[in-house]
Amino acid sequence: MGEDKAFLEFRGRTLLANALELGRMAVGEVRIVADPARFAEFGTVVEDVYPGRGPLGGIHAALKSSETALNLMIGVDLPLLEVPFLQYLVQAAEHSGAVVTVPRVTGYYEPLCAAYRTEFSLPAEQALIAGRNKIDAMFTGIRVRTVDDQELAQHHFSPDMFRNVNTPEDWKLAQEDLIRRQHI
């Protein structure tokens, strides 16, 4: 992207502010997994136990510091997420008893928009120690509840909300999609 995605402006605020608001509206308490020196002014910050290990390292750190059994994880680079979907996801997780409740859209998991039970921290730590950083590879060894395309459609959730922003082109498409949604 060329710059920190958390500070990109979207809907008149940063992606970080957007993600924090979504989290607060969906579940209440929110924490940021990041460098405390850069993000402490925005809220409670949790530092990676295994720095530089990507999203799995962040999920692990969040779960290790959590005092709740179930934790919603959302990436800062998913600006089109909607609160009703996040609430639906958390409810599905509460009722399923699965270790991870995760959307699977067009055949791909969305592990940075998922609900994780704190018990996921143990296999996550084992994977990190072994040098394995891929989240979805871990889903074969645990109980997972997926929210698939059919379930999304059944509840009128658009799969477009999972479009993440990794490149300037992604960023432009997300902004265009927001403008299109406002005119519908």
Protein backbone atom coordinates (compact mmCIF):
# COMPACT_ATOMS: atom_id res chain seq x y z
CA MET A 1 0.00 0.00 0.00
CA GLY A 2 2.93 2.33 0.62
CA GLU A 3 1.57 3.65 3.93
CA ASP A 4 -0.01 2.32 7.12
CA LYS A 5 -3.54 1.22 6.17
CA ALA A 6 -4.84 2.05 9.65
CA PHE A 7 -4.51 5.76 8.91
CA LEU A 8 -6.11 5.85 5.46
CA GLU A 9 -9.21 8.08 5.38
CA PHE A 10 -12.53 6.35 4.65
CA ARG A 11 -16.00 7.85 5.20
CA GLY A 12 -14.36 10.88 6.77
CA ARG A 13 -12.31 8.95 9.33
CA THR A 14 -9.39 6.56 9.40
CA LEU A 15 -9.73 2.84 8.80
CA LEU A 16 -8.60 2.38 12.41
CA ALA A 17 -11.41 4.61 13.71
CA ASN A 18 -13.88 2.75 11.49
CA ALA A 19 -12.76 -0.67 12.78
CA LEU A 20 -12.86 0.51 16.40
CA GLU A 21 -16.38 1.84 15.98
CA LEU A 22 -17.56 -1.37 14.28
CA GLY A 23 -16.11 -3.42 17.11
CA ARG A 24 -17.64 -1.25 19.83
CA MET A 25 -21.05 -1.33 18.17
CA ALA A 26 -20.90 -5.10 17.69
CA VAL A 27 -19.44 -6.28 21.01
CA GLY A 28 -18.59 -3.33 23.24
CA GLU A 29 -15.00 -3.68 24.46
CA VAL A 30 -12.31 -3.28 21.81
CA ARG A 31 -8.55 -3.66 21.82
CA ILE A 32 -5.94 -2.91 19.20
CA VAL A 33 -3.20 -5.43 18.47
CA ALA A 34 -0.27 -3.27 17.39
CA ASP A 35 2.79 -1.35 18.51
CA PRO A 36 1.81 0.50 21.71
CA ALA A 37 4.10 3.42 20.88
CA ARG A 38 2.12 4.14 17.70
CA PHE A 39 -1.42 3.23 18.77
CA ALA A 40 -1.83 3.84 22.53
CA GLU A 41 -3.57 7.16 21.95
CA PHE A 42 -6.42 5.35 20.15
CA GLY A 43 -7.32 2.79 22.82
CA THR A 44 -6.12 -0.22 24.75
CA VAL A 45 -3.24 -1.82 22.87
CA VAL A 46 -2.06 -5.41 23.03
CA GLU A 47 1.46 -6.12 21.82
CA ASP A 48 2.36 -9.23 19.83
CA VAL A 49 3.99 -11.99 21.86
CA TYR A 50 5.57 -13.22 18.61
CA PRO A 51 6.27 -9.99 16.65
CA GLY A 52 6.45 -10.02 12.89
CA ARG A 53 4.38 -13.19 12.52
CA GLY A 54 1.40 -11.62 10.80
CA PRO A 55 -2.27 -12.03 11.61
CA LEU A 56 -1.86 -15.32 13.51
CA GLY A 57 0.57 -13.59 15.87
CA GLY A 58 -1.96 -10.82 16.42
CA ILE A 59 -4.83 -13.21 17.05
CA HIS A 60 -2.68 -15.15 19.50
CA ALA A 61 -1.69 -11.99 21.39
CA ALA A 62 -5.31 -10.83 21.58
CA LEU A 63 -6.50 -14.18 22.90
CA LYS A 64 -3.68 -14.46 25.44
CA SER A 65 -4.64 -11.08 26.89
CA SER A 66 -8.40 -11.66 26.79
CA GLU A 67 -10.56 -12.24 29.83
CA THR A 68 -13.55 -13.39 27.77
CA ALA A 69 -14.24 -16.82 26.33
CA LEU A 70 -15.27 -15.53 22.91
CA ASN A 71 -13.47 -12.80 20.98
CA LEU A 72 -14.35 -11.06 17.74
CA MET A 73 -11.34 -10.29 15.54
CA ILE A 74 -11.64 -7.81 12.70
CA GLY A 75 -8.92 -6.51 10.44
CA VAL A 76 -8.48 -2.79 9.99
CA ASP A 77 -8.45 -3.30 6.22
CA LEU A 78 -12.08 -4.42 5.90
CA PRO A 79 -13.80 -1.04 5.63
CA LEU A 80 -17.07 -2.37 4.22
CA LEU A 81 -17.93 -4.63 7.18
CA GLU A 82 -21.36 -4.06 8.67
CA VAL A 83 -22.35 -4.14 12.34
CA PRO A 84 -25.42 -6.39 11.77
CA PHE A 85 -23.17 -9.02 10.22
CA LEU A 86 -20.65 -8.83 13.07
CA GLN A 87 -23.49 -9.25 15.58
CA TYR A 88 -24.80 -12.21 13.57
CA LEU A 89 -21.33 -13.76 13.54
CA VAL A 90 -20.95 -13.43 17.32
CA GLN A 91 -24.40 -14.93 17.90
CA ALA A 92 -23.57 -17.84 15.60
CA ALA A 93 -20.34 -18.37 17.56
CA GLU A 94 -22.14 -18.27 20.90
CA HIS A 95 -24.66 -20.88 19.78
CA SER A 96 -22.27 -23.18 17.94
CA GLY A 97 -19.66 -23.87 20.60
CA ALA A 98 -17.05 -23.99 17.83
CA VAL A 99 -13.51 -22.87 18.59
CA VAL A 100 -13.62 -20.59 15.54
CA THR A 101 -16.64 -19.17 13.72
CA VAL A 102 -15.48 -17.78 10.40
CA PRO A 103 -17.00 -16.63 7.11
CA ARG A 104 -16.02 -18.65 4.05
CA VAL A 105 -16.71 -16.47 1.02
CA THR A 106 -16.31 -17.76 -2.55
CA GLY A 107 -14.27 -20.66 -1.16
CA TYR A 108 -11.90 -18.59 1.01
CA TYR A 109 -11.85 -18.19 4.77
CA GLU A 110 -11.98 -14.67 6.22
CA PRO A 111 -9.91 -15.25 9.39
CA LEU A 112 -9.65 -11.52 10.12
CA CYS A 113 -13.40 -11.28 10.48
CA ALA A 114 -14.07 -14.19 12.80
CA ALA A 115 -14.97 -15.12 16.36
CA TYR A 116 -12.31 -17.08 18.26
CA ARG A 117 -12.59 -18.79 21.61
CA THR A 118 -9.62 -18.16 23.90
CA GLU A 119 -8.72 -21.85 23.67
CA PHE A 120 -7.51 -21.16 20.10
CA SER A 121 -4.49 -19.45 21.68
CA LEU A 122 -2.88 -22.83 22.48
CA PRO A 123 -2.80 -24.28 18.93
CA ALA A 124 -1.95 -20.80 17.64
CA GLU A 125 1.05 -20.64 19.96
CA GLN A 126 2.16 -24.14 18.96
CA ALA A 127 1.96 -23.15 15.29
CA LEU A 128 3.90 -19.93 15.90
CA ILE A 129 6.62 -21.78 17.80
CA ALA A 130 6.87 -24.24 14.91
CA GLY A 131 7.20 -21.37 12.42
CA ARG A 132 3.77 -21.84 10.86
CA ASN A 133 1.88 -18.56 10.39
CA LYS A 134 -1.06 -19.57 8.19
CA ILE A 135 -4.35 -19.31 10.05
CA ASP A 136 -6.64 -21.34 7.78
CA ALA A 137 -4.26 -24.30 7.84
CA MET A 138 -5.14 -24.64 11.53
CA PHE A 139 -8.86 -24.97 10.90
CA THR A 140 -8.59 -28.65 9.97
CA GLY A 141 -7.58 -29.66 13.50
CA ILE A 142 -10.28 -27.82 15.47
CA ARG A 143 -14.06 -27.41 15.56
CA VAL A 144 -14.96 -24.65 13.08
CA ARG A 145 -18.35 -23.16 12.29
CA THR A 146 -18.35 -21.57 8.84
CA VAL A 147 -20.72 -18.94 7.57
CA ASP A 148 -20.77 -19.69 3.86
CA ASP A 149 -22.02 -17.84 0.78
CA GLN A 150 -25.45 -19.46 1.00
CA GLU A 151 -25.91 -18.43 4.64
CA LEU A 152 -24.75 -14.88 3.85
CA ALA A 153 -27.30 -14.64 1.03
CA GLN A 154 -30.04 -16.16 3.17
CA HIS A 155 -29.55 -13.36 5.72
CA HIS A 156 -29.06 -10.63 3.07
CA PHE A 157 -25.38 -9.98 3.80
CA SER A 158 -23.27 -8.91 0.85
CA PRO A 159 -20.02 -10.81 0.27
CA ASP A 160 -18.57 -7.48 -0.91
CA MET A 161 -18.08 -6.45 2.71
CA PHE A 162 -15.09 -8.82 2.86
CA ARG A 163 -13.19 -6.92 0.20
CA ASN A 164 -9.98 -6.00 1.95
CA VAL A 165 -7.66 -3.16 1.11
CA ASN A 166 -4.11 -4.29 0.37
CA THR A 167 -3.17 -2.20 -2.65
CA PRO A 168 -3.96 1.28 -4.00
CA GLU A 169 -6.24 -0.43 -6.54
CA ASP A 170 -8.15 -2.21 -3.74
CA TRP A 171 -8.44 1.11 -1.95
CA LYS A 172 -9.92 2.80 -5.03
CA LEU A 173 -12.45 -0.02 -5.54
CA ALA A 174 -13.55 0.14 -1.88
CA GLN A 175 -14.13 3.88 -2.15
CA GLU A 176 -16.08 3.43 -5.40
CA ASP A 177 -18.18 0.69 -3.76
CA LEU A 178 -19.00 3.00 -0.86
CA ILE A 179 -20.16 5.70 -3.27
CA ARG A 180 -22.27 3.12 -5.17
CA ARG A 181 -23.90 1.90 -1.92
CA GLN A 182 -24.78 5.46 -0.90
CA HIS A 183 -26.71 5.93 -4.15
CA ILE A 184 -28.76 2.75 -3.85
